[in-house]
């Protein structure tokens, strides 16, 4: 049996840290990670103790990275989308984390 043509088990795939861009505004933090070849079946996102854990698998690589989330988020409004090897995660700020305009009255 020729083992050179067999697909390696997921545990034996090379581990990479995906390249990531992060943007934020008053309403949310947006994270875009490069995970070429990954599928939704091989993807895991978990938010735990203000740390976002990303694990993804493609036929040739495993991707893993963790991000500290320094704000409270609306957990029920979190979204993630995988398209053409780019994973986009939207972390909406909790209402109490959003900036507020302070009205000034004349005294």
PDB file of N, CA and C in Angstrom:
ATOM      1  N   UNK A   1       0.845  -1.180   0.000  1.00  0.00           N
ATOM      2  CA  UNK A   1       0.000   0.000   0.000  1.00  0.00           C
ATOM      3  C   UNK A   1       0.887   1.238   0.000  1.00  0.00           C
ATOM      4  N   UNK A   2       0.595   2.182  -0.882  1.00  0.00           N
ATOM      5  CA  UNK A   2       1.362   3.412  -1.001  1.00  0.00           C
ATOM      6  C   UNK A   2       0.735   4.472  -0.097  1.00  0.00           C
ATOM      7  N   UNK A   3       1.439   4.846   0.964  1.00  0.00           N
ATOM      8  CA  UNK A   3       0.879   5.810   1.923  1.00  0.00           C
ATOM      9  C   UNK A   3       1.054   7.248   1.464  1.00  0.00           C
ATOM     10  N   UNK A   4       1.836   7.498   0.397  1.00  0.00           N
ATOM     11  CA  UNK A   4       2.037   8.860  -0.093  1.00  0.00           C
ATOM     12  C   UNK A   4       0.766   9.460  -0.669  1.00  0.00           C
ATOM     13  N   UNK A   5      -0.164   8.638  -1.129  1.00  0.00           N
ATOM     14  CA  UNK A   5      -1.376   9.156  -1.757  1.00  0.00           C
ATOM     15  C   UNK A   5      -2.559   9.190  -0.807  1.00  0.00           C
ATOM     16  N   UNK A   6      -2.383   8.700   0.412  1.00  0.00           N
ATOM     17  CA  UNK A   6      -3.482   8.715   1.366  1.00  0.00           C
ATOM     18  C   UNK A   6      -3.630  10.096   1.984  1.00  0.00           C
ATOM     19  N   UNK A   7      -4.848  10.441   2.288  1.00  0.00           N
ATOM     20  CA  UNK A   7      -5.115  11.700   2.976  1.00  0.00           C
ATOM     21  C   UNK A   7      -4.728  11.545   4.436  1.00  0.00           C
ATOM     22  N   UNK A   8      -3.914  12.481   4.978  1.00  0.00           N
ATOM     23  CA  UNK A   8      -3.527  12.348   6.385  1.00  0.00           C
ATOM     24  C   UNK A   8      -4.728  12.556   7.298  1.00  0.00           C
ATOM     25  N   UNK A   9      -4.660  11.945   8.480  1.00  0.00           N
ATOM     26  CA  UNK A   9      -5.735  12.149   9.443  1.00  0.00           C
ATOM     27  C   UNK A   9      -5.728  13.614   9.870  1.00  0.00           C
ATOM     28  N   UNK A  10      -6.880  14.155  10.281  1.00  0.00           N
ATOM     29  CA  UNK A  10      -6.950  15.572  10.668  1.00  0.00           C
ATOM     30  C   UNK A  10      -5.929  15.960  11.732  1.00  0.00           C
ATOM     31  N   UNK A  11      -5.599  15.037  12.644  1.00  0.00           N
ATOM     32  CA  UNK A  11      -4.633  15.345  13.693  1.00  0.00           C
ATOM     33  C   UNK A  11      -3.209  15.480  13.154  1.00  0.00           C
ATOM     34  N   UNK A  12      -2.953  14.941  11.983  1.00  0.00           N
ATOM     35  CA  UNK A  12      -1.607  14.986  11.419  1.00  0.00           C
ATOM     36  C   UNK A  12      -1.427  16.114  10.407  1.00  0.00           C
ATOM     37  N   UNK A  13      -2.484  16.847  10.107  1.00  0.00           N
ATOM     38  CA  UNK A  13      -2.377  17.954   9.161  1.00  0.00           C
ATOM     39  C   UNK A  13      -1.544  19.077   9.777  1.00  0.00           C
ATOM     40  N   UNK A  14      -0.783  19.806   8.947  1.00  0.00           N
ATOM     41  CA  UNK A  14      -0.011  20.935   9.478  1.00  0.00           C
ATOM     42  C   UNK A  14      -0.943  21.977  10.107  1.00  0.00           C
ATOM     43  N   UNK A  15      -0.514  22.528  11.236  1.00  0.00           N
ATOM     44  CA  UNK A  15      -1.306  23.535  11.946  1.00  0.00           C
ATOM     45  C   UNK A  15      -0.822  24.918  11.552  1.00  0.00           C
ATOM     46  N   UNK A  16      -1.762  25.774  11.166  1.00  0.00           N
ATOM     47  CA  UNK A  16      -1.445  27.151  10.785  1.00  0.00           C
ATOM     48  C   UNK A  16      -2.291  28.121  11.582  1.00  0.00           C
ATOM     49  N   UNK A  17      -1.753  29.309  11.769  1.00  0.00           N
ATOM     50  CA  UNK A  17      -2.495  30.402  12.385  1.00  0.00           C
ATOM     51  C   UNK A  17      -3.022  31.267  11.240  1.00  0.00           C
ATOM     52  N   UNK A  18      -4.347  31.376  11.082  1.00  0.00           N
ATOM     53  CA  UNK A  18      -4.868  32.111   9.939  1.00  0.00           C
ATOM     54  C   UNK A  18      -4.590  33.613  10.039  1.00  0.00           C
ATOM     55  N   UNK A  19      -4.370  34.229   8.889  1.00  0.00           N
ATOM     56  CA  UNK A  19      -4.261  35.687   8.830  1.00  0.00           C
ATOM     57  C   UNK A  19      -5.646  36.266   9.110  1.00  0.00           C
ATOM     58  N   UNK A  20      -5.690  37.359   9.875  1.00  0.00           N
ATOM     59  CA  UNK A  20      -6.963  37.923  10.314  1.00  0.00           C
ATOM     60  C   UNK A  20      -6.920  39.445  10.218  1.00  0.00           C
ATOM     61  N   UNK A  21      -8.021  40.026   9.769  1.00  0.00           N
ATOM     62  CA  UNK A  21      -8.235  41.476   9.833  1.00  0.00           C
ATOM     63  C   UNK A  21      -9.376  41.707  10.803  1.00  0.00           C
ATOM     64  N   UNK A  22      -9.253  42.752  11.620  1.00  0.00           N
ATOM     65  CA  UNK A  22     -10.291  43.075  12.603  1.00  0.00           C
ATOM     66  C   UNK A  22     -10.639  44.553  12.486  1.00  0.00           C
ATOM     67  N   UNK A  23     -11.940  44.837  12.400  1.00  0.00           N
ATOM     68  CA  UNK A  23     -12.445  46.203  12.373  1.00  0.00           C
ATOM     69  C   UNK A  23     -13.459  46.366  13.494  1.00  0.00           C
ATOM     70  N   UNK A  24     -13.594  47.585  13.972  1.00  0.00           N
ATOM     71  CA  UNK A  24     -14.645  47.836  14.960  1.00  0.00           C
ATOM     72  C   UNK A  24     -15.258  49.203  14.708  1.00  0.00           C
ATOM     73  N   UNK A  25     -16.508  49.316  15.097  1.00  0.00           N
ATOM     74  CA  UNK A  25     -17.197  50.600  15.075  1.00  0.00           C
ATOM     75  C   UNK A  25     -18.060  50.662  16.324  1.00  0.00           C
ATOM     76  N   UNK A  26     -18.951  51.614  16.391  1.00  0.00           N
ATOM     77  CA  UNK A  26     -19.772  51.775  17.585  1.00  0.00           C
ATOM     78  C   UNK A  26     -20.705  50.592  17.838  1.00  0.00           C
ATOM     79  N   UNK A  27     -21.047  49.839  16.784  1.00  0.00           N
ATOM     80  CA  UNK A  27     -22.049  48.783  16.903  1.00  0.00           C
ATOM     81  C   UNK A  27     -21.490  47.371  17.025  1.00  0.00           C
ATOM     82  N   UNK A  28     -20.296  47.129  16.454  1.00  0.00           N
ATOM     83  CA  UNK A  28     -19.803  45.752  16.421  1.00  0.00           C
ATOM     84  C   UNK A  28     -18.305  45.690  16.175  1.00  0.00           C
ATOM     85  N   UNK A  29     -17.773  44.496  16.365  1.00  0.00           N
ATOM     86  CA  UNK A  29     -16.420  44.153  15.939  1.00  0.00           C
ATOM     87  C   UNK A  29     -16.583  43.117  14.833  1.00  0.00           C
ATOM     88  N   UNK A  30     -15.861  43.310  13.748  1.00  0.00           N
ATOM     89  CA  UNK A  30     -15.925  42.410  12.609  1.00  0.00           C
ATOM     90  C   UNK A  30     -14.552  41.781  12.427  1.00  0.00           C
ATOM     91  N   UNK A  31     -14.521  40.460  12.376  1.00  0.00           N
ATOM     92  CA  UNK A  31     -13.289  39.699  12.244  1.00  0.00           C
ATOM     93  C   UNK A  31     -13.358  38.911  10.939  1.00  0.00           C
ATOM     94  N   UNK A  32     -12.327  39.025  10.097  1.00  0.00           N
ATOM     95  CA  UNK A  32     -12.270  38.274   8.843  1.00  0.00           C
ATOM     96  C   UNK A  32     -10.985  37.455   8.849  1.00  0.00           C
ATOM     97  N   UNK A  33     -11.137  36.127   8.819  1.00  0.00           N
ATOM     98  CA  UNK A  33     -10.000  35.206   8.873  1.00  0.00           C
ATOM     99  C   UNK A  33      -9.865  34.455   7.553  1.00  0.00           C
ATOM    100  N   UNK A  34      -8.628  34.272   7.106  1.00  0.00           N
ATOM    101  CA  UNK A  34      -8.348  33.510   5.888  1.00  0.00           C
ATOM    102  C   UNK A  34      -8.178  32.040   6.250  1.00  0.00           C
ATOM    103  N   UNK A  35      -9.127  31.208   5.787  1.00  0.00           N
ATOM    104  CA  UNK A  35      -9.066  29.764   6.036  1.00  0.00           C
ATOM    105  C   UNK A  35      -9.330  29.023   4.720  1.00  0.00           C
ATOM    106  N   UNK A  36      -8.414  29.166   3.733  1.00  0.00           N
ATOM    107  CA  UNK A  36      -8.646  28.567   2.423  1.00  0.00           C
ATOM    108  C   UNK A  36      -8.858  27.061   2.496  1.00  0.00           C
ATOM    109  N   UNK A  37      -9.871  26.605   1.778  1.00  0.00           N
ATOM    110  CA  UNK A  37     -10.175  25.174   1.718  1.00  0.00           C
ATOM    111  C   UNK A  37     -11.045  24.674   2.848  1.00  0.00           C
ATOM    112  N   UNK A  38     -11.259  25.484   3.886  1.00  0.00           N
ATOM    113  CA  UNK A  38     -12.088  25.046   5.016  1.00  0.00           C
ATOM    114  C   UNK A  38     -13.552  24.966   4.596  1.00  0.00           C
ATOM    115  N   UNK A  39     -14.277  24.084   5.248  1.00  0.00           N
ATOM    116  CA  UNK A  39     -15.706  23.936   5.012  1.00  0.00           C
ATOM    117  C   UNK A  39     -16.440  24.182   6.323  1.00  0.00           C
ATOM    118  N   UNK A  40     -17.732  24.409   6.236  1.00  0.00           N
ATOM    119  CA  UNK A  40     -18.514  24.635   7.446  1.00  0.00           C
ATOM    120  C   UNK A  40     -18.507  23.395   8.338  1.00  0.00           C
ATOM    121  N   UNK A  41     -18.398  22.215   7.736  1.00  0.00           N
ATOM    122  CA  UNK A  41     -18.348  20.982   8.527  1.00  0.00           C
ATOM    123  C   UNK A  41     -17.059  20.892   9.339  1.00  0.00           C
ATOM    124  N   UNK A  42     -15.982  21.464   8.832  1.00  0.00           N
ATOM    125  CA  UNK A  42     -14.703  21.407   9.518  1.00  0.00           C
ATOM    126  C   UNK A  42     -14.396  22.652  10.330  1.00  0.00           C
ATOM    127  N   UNK A  43     -15.425  23.452  10.619  1.00  0.00           N
ATOM    128  CA  UNK A  43     -15.234  24.738  11.280  1.00  0.00           C
ATOM    129  C   UNK A  43     -15.887  24.750  12.651  1.00  0.00           C
ATOM    130  N   UNK A  44     -15.185  25.302  13.626  1.00  0.00           N
ATOM    131  CA  UNK A  44     -15.733  25.430  14.965  1.00  0.00           C
ATOM    132  C   UNK A  44     -15.398  26.821  15.499  1.00  0.00           C
ATOM    133  N   UNK A  45     -16.425  27.529  15.966  1.00  0.00           N
ATOM    134  CA  UNK A  45     -16.268  28.828  16.621  1.00  0.00           C
ATOM    135  C   UNK A  45     -16.896  28.716  17.995  1.00  0.00           C
ATOM    136  N   UNK A  46     -16.188  29.230  19.003  1.00  0.00           N
ATOM    137  CA  UNK A  46     -16.714  29.147  20.365  1.00  0.00           C
ATOM    138  C   UNK A  46     -16.319  30.414  21.105  1.00  0.00           C
ATOM    139  N   UNK A  47     -17.286  31.058  21.753  1.00  0.00           N
ATOM    140  CA  UNK A  47     -17.016  32.221  22.591  1.00  0.00           C
ATOM    141  C   UNK A  47     -17.157  31.783  24.037  1.00  0.00           C
ATOM    142  N   UNK A  48     -16.038  31.857  24.759  1.00  0.00           N
ATOM    143  CA  UNK A  48     -16.024  31.378  26.130  1.00  0.00           C
ATOM    144  C   UNK A  48     -15.146  32.296  26.975  1.00  0.00           C
ATOM    145  N   UNK A  49     -15.719  32.840  28.062  1.00  0.00           N
ATOM    146  CA  UNK A  49     -14.975  33.729  28.966  1.00  0.00           C
ATOM    147  C   UNK A  49     -14.287  34.864  28.217  1.00  0.00           C
ATOM    148  N   UNK A  50     -15.028  35.473  27.303  1.00  0.00           N
ATOM    149  CA  UNK A  50     -14.538  36.605  26.494  1.00  0.00           C
ATOM    150  C   UNK A  50     -13.345  36.244  25.608  1.00  0.00           C
ATOM    151  N   UNK A  51     -13.259  34.987  25.221  1.00  0.00           N
ATOM    152  CA  UNK A  51     -12.244  34.540  24.260  1.00  0.00           C
ATOM    153  C   UNK A  51     -12.968  33.833  23.122  1.00  0.00           C
ATOM    154  N   UNK A  52     -12.715  34.287  21.892  1.00  0.00           N
ATOM    155  CA  UNK A  52     -13.276  33.653  20.703  1.00  0.00           C
ATOM    156  C   UNK A  52     -12.260  32.648  20.186  1.00  0.00           C
ATOM    157  N   UNK A  53     -12.657  31.371  20.141  1.00  0.00           N
ATOM    158  CA  UNK A  53     -11.788  30.287  19.670  1.00  0.00           C
ATOM    159  C   UNK A  53     -12.216  29.907  18.260  1.00  0.00           C
ATOM    160  N   UNK A  54     -11.263  29.887  17.343  1.00  0.00           N
ATOM    161  CA  UNK A  54     -11.514  29.518  15.960  1.00  0.00           C
ATOM    162  C   UNK A  54     -10.695  28.262  15.651  1.00  0.00           C
ATOM    163  N   UNK A  55     -11.360  27.229  15.190  1.00  0.00           N
ATOM    164  CA  UNK A  55     -10.709  26.009  14.709  1.00  0.00           C
ATOM    165  C   UNK A  55     -11.324  25.683  13.360  1.00  0.00           C
ATOM    166  N   UNK A  56     -10.470  25.451  12.361  1.00  0.00           N
ATOM    167  CA  UNK A  56     -10.967  25.116  11.024  1.00  0.00           C
ATOM    168  C   UNK A  56     -10.063  24.058  10.424  1.00  0.00           C
ATOM    169  N   UNK A  57     -10.638  23.318   9.482  1.00  0.00           N
ATOM    170  CA  UNK A  57      -9.886  22.247   8.833  1.00  0.00           C
ATOM    171  C   UNK A  57     -10.171  22.276   7.344  1.00  0.00           C
ATOM    172  N   UNK A  58      -9.113  22.142   6.574  1.00  0.00           N
ATOM    173  CA  UNK A  58      -9.225  21.979   5.125  1.00  0.00           C
ATOM    174  C   UNK A  58      -8.607  20.615   4.801  1.00  0.00           C
ATOM    175  N   UNK A  59      -8.650  20.183   3.556  1.00  0.00           N
ATOM    176  CA  UNK A  59      -8.026  18.889   3.230  1.00  0.00           C
ATOM    177  C   UNK A  59      -6.515  18.864   3.483  1.00  0.00           C
ATOM    178  N   UNK A  60      -5.873  20.033   3.520  1.00  0.00           N
ATOM    179  CA  UNK A  60      -4.414  20.061   3.641  1.00  0.00           C
ATOM    180  C   UNK A  60      -3.886  20.722   4.912  1.00  0.00           C
ATOM    181  N   UNK A  61      -4.740  21.438   5.666  1.00  0.00           N
ATOM    182  CA  UNK A  61      -4.271  22.167   6.843  1.00  0.00           C
ATOM    183  C   UNK A  61      -5.331  22.208   7.935  1.00  0.00           C
ATOM    184  N   UNK A  62      -4.839  22.465   9.153  1.00  0.00           N
ATOM    185  CA  UNK A  62      -5.708  22.835  10.264  1.00  0.00           C
ATOM    186  C   UNK A  62      -5.376  24.280  10.600  1.00  0.00           C
ATOM    187  N   UNK A  63      -6.391  25.043  10.972  1.00  0.00           N
ATOM    188  CA  UNK A  63      -6.205  26.433  11.361  1.00  0.00           C
ATOM    189  C   UNK A  63      -6.716  26.589  12.787  1.00  0.00           C
ATOM    190  N   UNK A  64      -5.957  27.329  13.579  1.00  0.00           N
ATOM    191  CA  UNK A  64      -6.390  27.537  14.970  1.00  0.00           C
ATOM    192  C   UNK A  64      -5.902  28.903  15.423  1.00  0.00           C
ATOM    193  N   UNK A  65      -6.817  29.625  16.092  1.00  0.00           N
ATOM    194  CA  UNK A  65      -6.448  30.926  16.651  1.00  0.00           C
ATOM    195  C   UNK A  65      -7.466  31.308  17.710  1.00  0.00           C
ATOM    196  N   UNK A  66      -7.038  32.087  18.686  1.00  0.00           N
ATOM    197  CA  UNK A  66      -7.929  32.569  19.745  1.00  0.00           C
ATOM    198  C   UNK A  66      -7.775  34.077  19.855  1.00  0.00           C
ATOM    199  N   UNK A  67      -8.886  34.750  20.160  1.00  0.00           N
ATOM    200  CA  UNK A  67      -8.917  36.204  20.230  1.00  0.00           C
ATOM    201  C   UNK A  67      -9.566  36.633  21.536  1.00  0.00           C
ATOM    202  N   UNK A  68      -8.920  37.537  22.220  1.00  0.00           N
ATOM    203  CA  UNK A  68      -9.496  38.110  23.427  1.00  0.00           C
ATOM    204  C   UNK A  68     -10.535  39.145  23.010  1.00  0.00           C
ATOM    205  N   UNK A  69     -11.720  39.050  23.570  1.00  0.00           N
ATOM    206  CA  UNK A  69     -12.804  39.983  23.270  1.00  0.00           C
ATOM    207  C   UNK A  69     -12.975  40.873  24.494  1.00  0.00           C
ATOM    208  N   UNK A  70     -12.550  42.116  24.378  1.00  0.00           N
ATOM    209  CA  UNK A  70     -12.513  43.010  25.529  1.00  0.00           C
ATOM    210  C   UNK A  70     -13.799  43.751  25.799  1.00  0.00           C
ATOM    211  N   UNK A  71     -14.892  43.267  25.283  1.00  0.00           N
ATOM    212  CA  UNK A  71     -16.176  43.936  25.484  1.00  0.00           C
ATOM    213  C   UNK A  71     -17.261  42.888  25.649  1.00  0.00           C
ATOM    214  N   UNK A  72     -18.381  43.304  26.217  1.00  0.00           N
ATOM    215  CA  UNK A  72     -19.544  42.422  26.287  1.00  0.00           C
ATOM    216  C   UNK A  72     -20.214  42.417  24.908  1.00  0.00           C
ATOM    217  N   UNK A  73     -20.673  41.241  24.487  1.00  0.00           N
ATOM    218  CA  UNK A  73     -21.325  41.120  23.183  1.00  0.00           C
ATOM    219  C   UNK A  73     -22.742  40.589  23.356  1.00  0.00           C
ATOM    220  N   UNK A  74     -23.562  40.880  22.359  1.00  0.00           N
ATOM    221  CA  UNK A  74     -24.922  40.330  22.302  1.00  0.00           C
ATOM    222  C   UNK A  74     -24.792  38.908  21.767  1.00  0.00           C
ATOM    223  N   UNK A  75     -24.725  37.934  22.654  1.00  0.00           N
ATOM    224  CA  UNK A  75     -24.449  36.553  22.251  1.00  0.00           C
ATOM    225  C   UNK A  75     -25.490  35.987  21.297  1.00  0.00           C
ATOM    226  N   UNK A  76     -26.745  36.398  21.437  1.00  0.00           N
ATOM    227  CA  UNK A  76     -27.794  35.883  20.553  1.00  0.00           C
ATOM    228  C   UNK A  76     -27.721  36.481  19.153  1.00  0.00           C
ATOM    229  N   UNK A  77     -26.922  37.517  18.969  1.00  0.00           N
ATOM    230  CA  UNK A  77     -26.839  38.184  17.668  1.00  0.00           C
ATOM    231  C   UNK A  77     -25.508  37.924  16.954  1.00  0.00           C
ATOM    232  N   UNK A  78     -24.672  37.051  17.494  1.00  0.00           N
ATOM    233  CA  UNK A  78     -23.411  36.705  16.833  1.00  0.00           C
ATOM    234  C   UNK A  78     -23.702  36.017  15.501  1.00  0.00           C
ATOM    235  N   UNK A  79     -22.925  36.346  14.468  1.00  0.00           N
ATOM    236  CA  UNK A  79     -23.086  35.681  13.177  1.00  0.00           C
ATOM    237  C   UNK A  79     -21.714  35.311  12.625  1.00  0.00           C
ATOM    238  N   UNK A  80     -21.693  34.286  11.786  1.00  0.00           N
ATOM    239  CA  UNK A  80     -20.467  33.866  11.104  1.00  0.00           C
ATOM    240  C   UNK A  80     -20.839  33.372   9.717  1.00  0.00           C
ATOM    241  N   UNK A  81     -20.008  33.720   8.751  1.00  0.00           N
ATOM    242  CA  UNK A  81     -20.250  33.318   7.365  1.00  0.00           C
ATOM    243  C   UNK A  81     -18.928  32.902   6.733  1.00  0.00           C
ATOM    244  N   UNK A  82     -18.949  31.783   6.021  1.00  0.00           N
ATOM    245  CA  UNK A  82     -17.766  31.290   5.318  1.00  0.00           C
ATOM    246  C   UNK A  82     -18.033  31.386   3.826  1.00  0.00           C
ATOM    247  N   UNK A  83     -17.163  32.137   3.130  1.00  0.00           N
ATOM    248  CA  UNK A  83     -17.342  32.301   1.683  1.00  0.00           C
ATOM    249  C   UNK A  83     -15.974  32.412   1.019  1.00  0.00           C
ATOM    250  N   UNK A  84     -15.706  31.505   0.092  1.00  0.00           N
ATOM    251  CA  UNK A  84     -14.472  31.522  -0.698  1.00  0.00           C
ATOM    252  C   UNK A  84     -13.223  31.586   0.181  1.00  0.00           C
ATOM    253  N   UNK A  85     -13.207  30.810   1.257  1.00  0.00           N
ATOM    254  CA  UNK A  85     -12.035  30.743   2.108  1.00  0.00           C
ATOM    255  C   UNK A  85     -11.888  31.878   3.111  1.00  0.00           C
ATOM    256  N   UNK A  86     -12.885  32.759   3.180  1.00  0.00           N
ATOM    257  CA  UNK A  86     -12.866  33.850   4.155  1.00  0.00           C
ATOM    258  C   UNK A  86     -13.987  33.640   5.162  1.00  0.00           C
ATOM    259  N   UNK A  87     -13.621  33.603   6.420  1.00  0.00           N
ATOM    260  CA  UNK A  87     -14.590  33.476   7.501  1.00  0.00           C
ATOM    261  C   UNK A  87     -14.814  34.863   8.089  1.00  0.00           C
ATOM    262  N   UNK A  88     -16.063  35.327   8.054  1.00  0.00           N
ATOM    263  CA  UNK A  88     -16.417  36.639   8.591  1.00  0.00           C
ATOM    264  C   UNK A  88     -17.274  36.433   9.833  1.00  0.00           C
ATOM    265  N   UNK A  89     -16.808  36.953  10.962  1.00  0.00           N
ATOM    266  CA  UNK A  89     -17.519  36.827  12.232  1.00  0.00           C
ATOM    267  C   UNK A  89     -17.900  38.226  12.699  1.00  0.00           C
ATOM    268  N   UNK A  90     -19.177  38.407  13.009  1.00  0.00           N
ATOM    269  CA  UNK A  90     -19.673  39.686  13.510  1.00  0.00           C
ATOM    270  C   UNK A  90     -20.011  39.537  14.988  1.00  0.00           C
ATOM    271  N   UNK A  91     -19.392  40.388  15.804  1.00  0.00           N
ATOM    272  CA  UNK A  91     -19.600  40.383  17.246  1.00  0.00           C
ATOM    273  C   UNK A  91     -20.290  41.699  17.627  1.00  0.00           C
ATOM    274  N   UNK A  92     -21.621  41.701  17.724  1.00  0.00           N
ATOM    275  CA  UNK A  92     -22.328  42.938  18.064  1.00  0.00           C
ATOM    276  C   UNK A  92     -22.072  43.341  19.517  1.00  0.00           C
ATOM    277  N   UNK A  93     -21.811  44.615  19.719  1.00  0.00           N
ATOM    278  CA  UNK A  93     -21.585  45.124  21.073  1.00  0.00           C
ATOM    279  C   UNK A  93     -22.879  45.060  21.881  1.00  0.00           C
ATOM    280  N   UNK A  94     -22.769  44.703  23.138  1.00  0.00           N
ATOM    281  CA  UNK A  94     -23.923  44.753  24.035  1.00  0.00           C
ATOM    282  C   UNK A  94     -24.347  46.215  24.175  1.00  0.00           C
ATOM    283  N   UNK A  95     -25.627  46.431  24.415  1.00  0.00           N
ATOM    284  CA  UNK A  95     -26.159  47.792  24.481  1.00  0.00           C
ATOM    285  C   UNK A  95     -25.393  48.660  25.476  1.00  0.00           C
ATOM    286  N   UNK A  96     -25.022  48.095  26.613  1.00  0.00           N
ATOM    287  CA  UNK A  96     -24.316  48.905  27.604  1.00  0.00           C
ATOM    288  C   UNK A  96     -22.864  49.197  27.220  1.00  0.00           C
ATOM    289  N   UNK A  97     -22.361  48.575  26.156  1.00  0.00           N
ATOM    290  CA  UNK A  97     -21.004  48.819  25.678  1.00  0.00           C
ATOM    291  C   UNK A  97     -20.951  49.890  24.586  1.00  0.00           C
ATOM    292  N   UNK A  98     -22.108  50.212  24.003  1.00  0.00           N
ATOM    293  CA  UNK A  98     -22.135  51.178  22.912  1.00  0.00           C
ATOM    294  C   UNK A  98     -21.939  52.593  23.455  1.00  0.00           C
ATOM    295  N   UNK A  99     -21.230  53.436  22.684  1.00  0.00           N
ATOM    296  CA  UNK A  99     -21.042  54.815  23.124  1.00  0.00           C
ATOM    297  C   UNK A  99     -22.390  55.536  23.219  1.00  0.00           C
ATOM    298  N   UNK A 100     -22.476  56.450  24.158  1.00  0.00           N
ATOM    299  CA  UNK A 100     -23.691  57.239  24.318  1.00  0.00           C
ATOM    300  C   UNK A 100     -23.366  58.712  24.224  1.00  0.00           C
ATOM    301  N   UNK A 101     -24.210  59.422  23.530  1.00  0.00           N
ATOM    302  CA  UNK A 101     -24.089  60.868  23.459  1.00  0.00           C
ATOM    303  C   UNK A 101     -24.621  61.452  24.769  1.00  0.00           C
ATOM    304  N   UNK A 102     -23.883  62.352  25.352  1.00  0.00           N
ATOM    305  CA  UNK A 102     -24.308  62.961  26.619  1.00  0.00           C
ATOM    306  C   UNK A 102     -24.881  64.344  26.303  1.00  0.00           C
ATOM    307  N   UNK A 103     -26.167  64.527  26.587  1.00  0.00           N
ATOM    308  CA  UNK A 103     -26.754  65.840  26.301  1.00  0.00           C
ATOM    309  C   UNK A 103     -26.214  66.887  27.286  1.00  0.00           C
ATOM    310  N   UNK A 104     -25.980  68.074  26.786  1.00  0.00           N
ATOM    311  CA  UNK A 104     -25.495  69.169  27.611  1.00  0.00           C
ATOM    312  C   UNK A 104     -26.577  70.226  27.668  1.00  0.00           C
ATOM    313  N   UNK A 105     -26.934  70.612  28.873  1.00  0.00           N
ATOM    314  CA  UNK A 105     -27.960  71.658  29.055  1.00  0.00           C
ATOM    315  C   UNK A 105     -27.302  72.919  29.554  1.00  0.00           C
ATOM    316  N   UNK A 106     -27.894  74.014  29.184  1.00  0.00           N
ATOM    317  CA  UNK A 106     -27.380  75.292  29.657  1.00  0.00           C
ATOM    318  C   UNK A 106     -27.811  75.518  31.087  1.00  0.00           C
ATOM    319  N   UNK A 107     -26.895  75.926  31.918  1.00  0.00           N
ATOM    320  CA  UNK A 107     -27.202  76.127  33.333  1.00  0.00           C
ATOM    321  C   UNK A 107     -27.508  77.577  33.630  1.00  0.00           C
TER     322      UNK A 107
END
